[in-house]
Protein backbone atom coordinates (compact mmCIF):
# COMPACT_ATOMS: atom_id res chain seq x y z
CA THR A 1 87.63 123.19 46.14
CA TYR A 2 88.86 123.18 42.55
CA ASP A 3 85.92 121.05 41.39
CA ALA A 4 83.45 123.47 42.94
CA TYR A 5 85.22 126.47 41.44
CA LEU A 6 85.39 124.92 37.97
CA ARG A 7 81.69 124.14 38.02
CA GLU A 8 81.11 127.87 38.38
CA HIS A 9 83.98 128.91 36.06
CA PRO A 10 84.37 126.17 33.44
CA ALA A 11 86.43 128.41 31.12
CA ASP A 12 89.16 129.14 33.68
CA VAL A 13 92.14 127.29 32.22
CA THR A 14 94.45 128.34 35.06
CA ALA A 15 92.22 126.65 37.64
CA ALA A 16 91.92 123.55 35.45
CA VAL A 17 95.71 123.32 35.12
CA GLU A 18 96.22 123.86 38.84
CA ARG A 19 93.74 121.07 39.58
CA CYS A 20 95.82 118.64 37.54
CA GLU A 21 99.01 119.85 39.18
CA LEU A 22 97.43 119.23 42.60
CA ILE A 23 96.43 115.68 41.62
CA ALA A 24 99.93 115.00 40.23
CA GLY A 25 101.55 116.27 43.41
CA ALA A 26 99.28 114.14 45.59
CA LEU A 27 100.10 111.03 43.57
CA ASP A 28 103.83 111.74 43.89
CA ARG A 29 103.49 111.73 47.66
CA GLU A 30 101.16 108.73 47.85
CA GLU A 31 102.93 105.69 49.30
CA ASP A 32 100.00 103.29 48.99
CA GLU A 33 97.71 102.57 46.08
CA PRO A 34 95.64 105.66 45.27
CA ASP A 35 92.00 105.69 46.33
CA PRO A 36 89.96 104.63 43.26
CA ALA A 37 87.26 107.10 44.27
CA LEU A 38 89.61 110.02 43.81
CA PRO A 39 90.19 111.77 40.45
CA THR A 40 93.05 110.44 38.34
CA LEU A 41 95.77 112.37 36.57
CA GLU A 42 94.89 110.66 33.29
CA GLY A 43 91.29 111.80 33.62
CA CYS A 44 92.34 115.32 34.49
CA ALA A 45 94.67 115.46 31.47
CA ARG A 46 91.81 114.28 29.24
CA ASP A 47 89.64 117.06 30.67
CA LEU A 48 92.34 119.58 29.77
CA GLU A 49 92.52 118.21 26.24
CA ARG A 50 88.75 118.31 25.75
CA GLY A 51 88.11 121.62 27.47
CA PHE A 52 91.17 123.61 26.34
CA PRO A 53 92.59 122.04 23.16
CA HIS A 54 94.14 125.31 21.98
CA SER A 55 95.38 126.71 25.29
CA PRO A 56 99.18 126.99 25.56
CA ALA A 57 99.00 126.57 29.35
CA ALA A 58 96.94 123.40 29.04
CA VAL A 59 99.20 121.89 26.38
CA ILE A 60 102.37 122.62 28.38
CA SER A 61 100.76 121.16 31.50
CA ARG A 62 99.77 117.99 29.66
CA LEU A 63 103.32 117.63 28.39
CA GLY A 64 104.52 117.53 31.97
CA PHE A 65 102.47 114.40 32.66
CA ILE A 66 103.71 112.22 29.78
CA TYR A 67 107.05 110.89 28.60
CA GLY A 68 109.02 109.58 25.66
CA GLN A 69 107.42 109.31 22.26
CA GLN A 70 104.01 110.33 23.57
CA ALA A 71 105.44 113.64 24.77
CA ILE A 72 107.33 114.13 21.50
CA SER A 73 104.18 113.63 19.45
CA LEU A 74 102.13 116.06 21.54
CA GLY A 75 104.90 118.68 21.59
CA GLU A 76 105.46 118.57 17.83
CA GLN A 77 101.72 118.75 17.17
CA ALA A 78 101.39 121.78 19.43
CA LEU A 79 104.29 123.59 17.75
CA ALA A 80 102.71 123.02 14.33
CA ASP A 81 99.13 123.96 15.31
CA PRO A 82 98.34 127.54 14.19
CA GLN A 83 95.30 127.63 16.49
CA ILE A 84 97.53 127.48 19.57
CA ALA A 85 98.79 131.03 20.16
CA LEU A 86 102.23 130.22 21.52
CA THR A 87 104.57 132.95 22.71
CA ASP A 88 108.33 132.52 22.38
CA ARG A 89 108.45 131.55 26.05
CA ASP A 90 105.74 128.93 25.49
CA ARG A 91 107.65 127.52 22.54
CA ALA A 92 110.81 127.45 24.61
CA GLN A 93 109.07 125.41 27.30
CA ILE A 94 107.79 122.94 24.72
CA TYR A 95 111.24 122.58 23.15
CA ARG A 96 112.70 122.07 26.64
CA MET A 97 110.28 119.21 27.25
CA LEU A 98 110.94 117.81 23.78
CA SER A 99 114.66 117.83 24.52
CA ARG A 100 114.17 115.83 27.72
CA ALA A 101 111.83 113.41 25.95
CA GLN A 102 114.27 112.88 23.06
CA GLN A 103 117.05 112.31 25.55
CA SER A 104 114.96 109.71 27.40
CA ILE A 105 114.60 107.59 24.25
CA ALA A 106 118.28 107.93 23.30
CA HIS A 107 117.95 110.41 20.43
CA PRO A 108 120.89 112.70 21.34
CA ASP A 109 120.92 114.69 18.08
CA ALA A 110 117.24 115.59 18.35
CA ALA A 111 117.63 116.31 22.07
CA ALA A 112 120.50 118.74 21.42
CA ARG A 113 118.63 120.48 18.59
CA ALA A 114 115.58 120.98 20.78
CA ALA A 115 117.77 122.20 23.66
CA ARG A 116 119.46 124.81 21.45
CA LYS A 117 116.08 125.96 20.14
CA ALA A 118 114.68 126.28 23.67
CA MET A 119 117.64 128.36 24.86
CA SER A 120 117.50 130.61 21.79
CA LEU A 121 113.84 131.39 22.51
CA ASP A 122 114.27 131.87 26.26
CA ARG A 123 117.73 132.89 27.46
CA SER A 124 116.82 132.02 31.06
CA LEU A 125 116.70 128.30 30.24
CA ASP A 126 119.85 126.26 30.77
CA LEU A 127 120.10 123.02 28.81
CA THR A 128 123.85 123.22 28.28
CA VAL A 129 124.38 119.77 29.83
CA ILE A 130 122.44 118.20 26.96
CA VAL A 131 124.23 120.29 24.34
CA GLY A 132 127.62 119.71 25.96
CA GLN A 133 127.14 115.96 26.09
CA ARG A 134 126.31 115.84 22.38
CA LEU A 135 129.41 117.88 21.55
CA LEU A 136 131.50 115.48 23.62
CA ASP A 137 129.98 112.53 21.79
CA GLU A 138 131.04 114.15 18.53
CA GLY A 139 134.59 114.69 19.80
CA ARG A 140 134.20 118.50 19.81
CA LYS A 141 135.78 118.98 23.23
CA THR A 142 136.62 122.68 22.95
CA GLU A 143 133.07 123.57 21.96
CA ALA A 144 131.77 121.36 24.77
CA MET A 145 133.95 123.22 27.27
CA VAL A 146 132.60 126.56 26.10
CA ALA A 147 128.98 125.39 26.26
CA LEU A 148 129.25 123.72 29.65
CA SER A 149 131.04 126.62 31.34
CA SER A 150 128.88 129.34 29.75
CA ARG A 151 126.27 129.12 32.51
CA ALA A 152 127.27 129.08 36.16
CA GLU A 153 123.72 128.96 37.51
CA GLY A 154 121.53 126.05 38.49
CA THR A 155 121.09 123.58 41.30
CA GLY A 156 123.97 121.82 42.98
CA PHE A 157 123.13 118.66 41.05
CA GLU A 158 123.12 120.49 37.72
CA LEU A 159 126.44 122.19 38.44
CA GLN A 160 128.02 118.88 39.42
CA GLU A 161 126.82 117.33 36.16
CA LYS A 162 128.44 120.17 34.23
CA ALA A 163 131.65 119.69 36.22
CA ARG A 164 131.60 115.97 35.48
CA LYS A 165 131.27 116.54 31.74
CA LEU A 166 133.95 119.24 31.79
CA ALA A 167 136.24 116.66 33.36
CA ASP A 168 135.36 114.29 30.51
CA ALA A 169 136.45 117.07 28.15
CA GLY A 170 139.73 117.46 30.00
CA SER A 171 138.89 120.89 31.41
CA PHE A 172 139.71 120.18 35.04
CA PHE A 173 140.18 123.77 36.24
CA ARG A 174 136.80 124.85 34.87
CA ALA A 175 135.26 121.72 36.35
CA GLN A 176 136.80 122.52 39.73
CA TRP A 177 135.34 126.02 39.57
CA LEU A 178 131.82 124.71 38.88
CA LEU A 179 132.12 122.03 41.56
CA GLY A 180 133.03 124.74 44.04
CA LEU A 181 129.86 126.62 43.10
CA ALA A 182 127.87 123.42 43.52
CA ALA A 183 129.35 122.81 46.96
CA ALA A 184 128.18 126.26 48.06
CA LYS A 185 124.56 125.41 47.27
CA PRO A 186 122.45 124.62 50.37
CA GLY A 187 121.95 120.90 50.81
CA CYS A 188 124.35 119.89 48.06
CA ALA A 189 126.39 116.76 48.75
CA VAL A 190 129.56 116.89 46.70
CA ASP A 191 130.52 113.67 44.93
CA ALA A 192 133.84 112.76 46.59
CA ALA A 193 134.90 110.58 43.66
CA LEU A 194 134.40 113.47 41.25
CA GLN A 195 136.27 115.82 43.59
CA ALA A 196 139.15 113.36 43.75
CA ARG A 197 139.25 113.09 39.97
CA LEU A 198 139.40 116.87 39.64
CA TYR A 199 142.15 117.20 42.24
CA GLY A 200 144.15 114.70 40.24
CA GLY A 201 143.47 116.59 37.05
CA VAL A 202 144.69 119.93 38.44
CA GLY A 203 147.84 118.40 39.94
CA LYS A 204 146.92 118.02 43.60
CA PRO A 205 147.69 114.34 44.34
CA GLN A 206 147.52 114.60 48.14
CA GLN A 207 144.04 116.16 48.08
CA ALA A 208 143.03 113.58 45.47
CA ARG A 209 144.10 110.72 47.75
CA GLU A 210 142.21 112.24 50.68
CA ALA A 211 139.07 112.62 48.59
CA TYR A 212 139.34 109.06 47.26
CA SER A 213 139.66 107.78 50.82
CA LYS A 214 136.18 109.18 51.49
């Protein structure tokens, strides 16, 4: 369906991006080796690069299909290219991806800088776990506590990660608060070991023992 549409509308970048997203989703669900007759994600990404080199949507989509240094190189090139008309939200998305990529290759300083830049450009983004971890690494526990507890939104997994890092900072009551929010999320399985650690930290030894027994 997308192939037929794009033959008639070759300049429709949204359809071209959606085609790649469809292929990526199909590959994620594929248990066996993919059919060699079917289009590949690599080929689709190359089509995006050739057909829409200066499209923000195409660049951001391509970034979602690559990792590590390859993603860092593409993201930095896009940010520096004056022919790509990036909005602040587009730039925020690129910095978000750069932060994840830097984190994946163990560059925590660069990851934290990119995370701060992303959140400054788009207040709806929450990368405080990355920023908080870097502050903890630097021994700046109070600043880490402020950063990690500044956002109480996110998935159950994200909230648990914040709670875990708050515990590392010694802020057990704030961590308990965030873990409670995580537990209220549909489908969230609370880490019993983390819960036990927090009970111990807030002075509830009996509840801590019960949680550890789980």
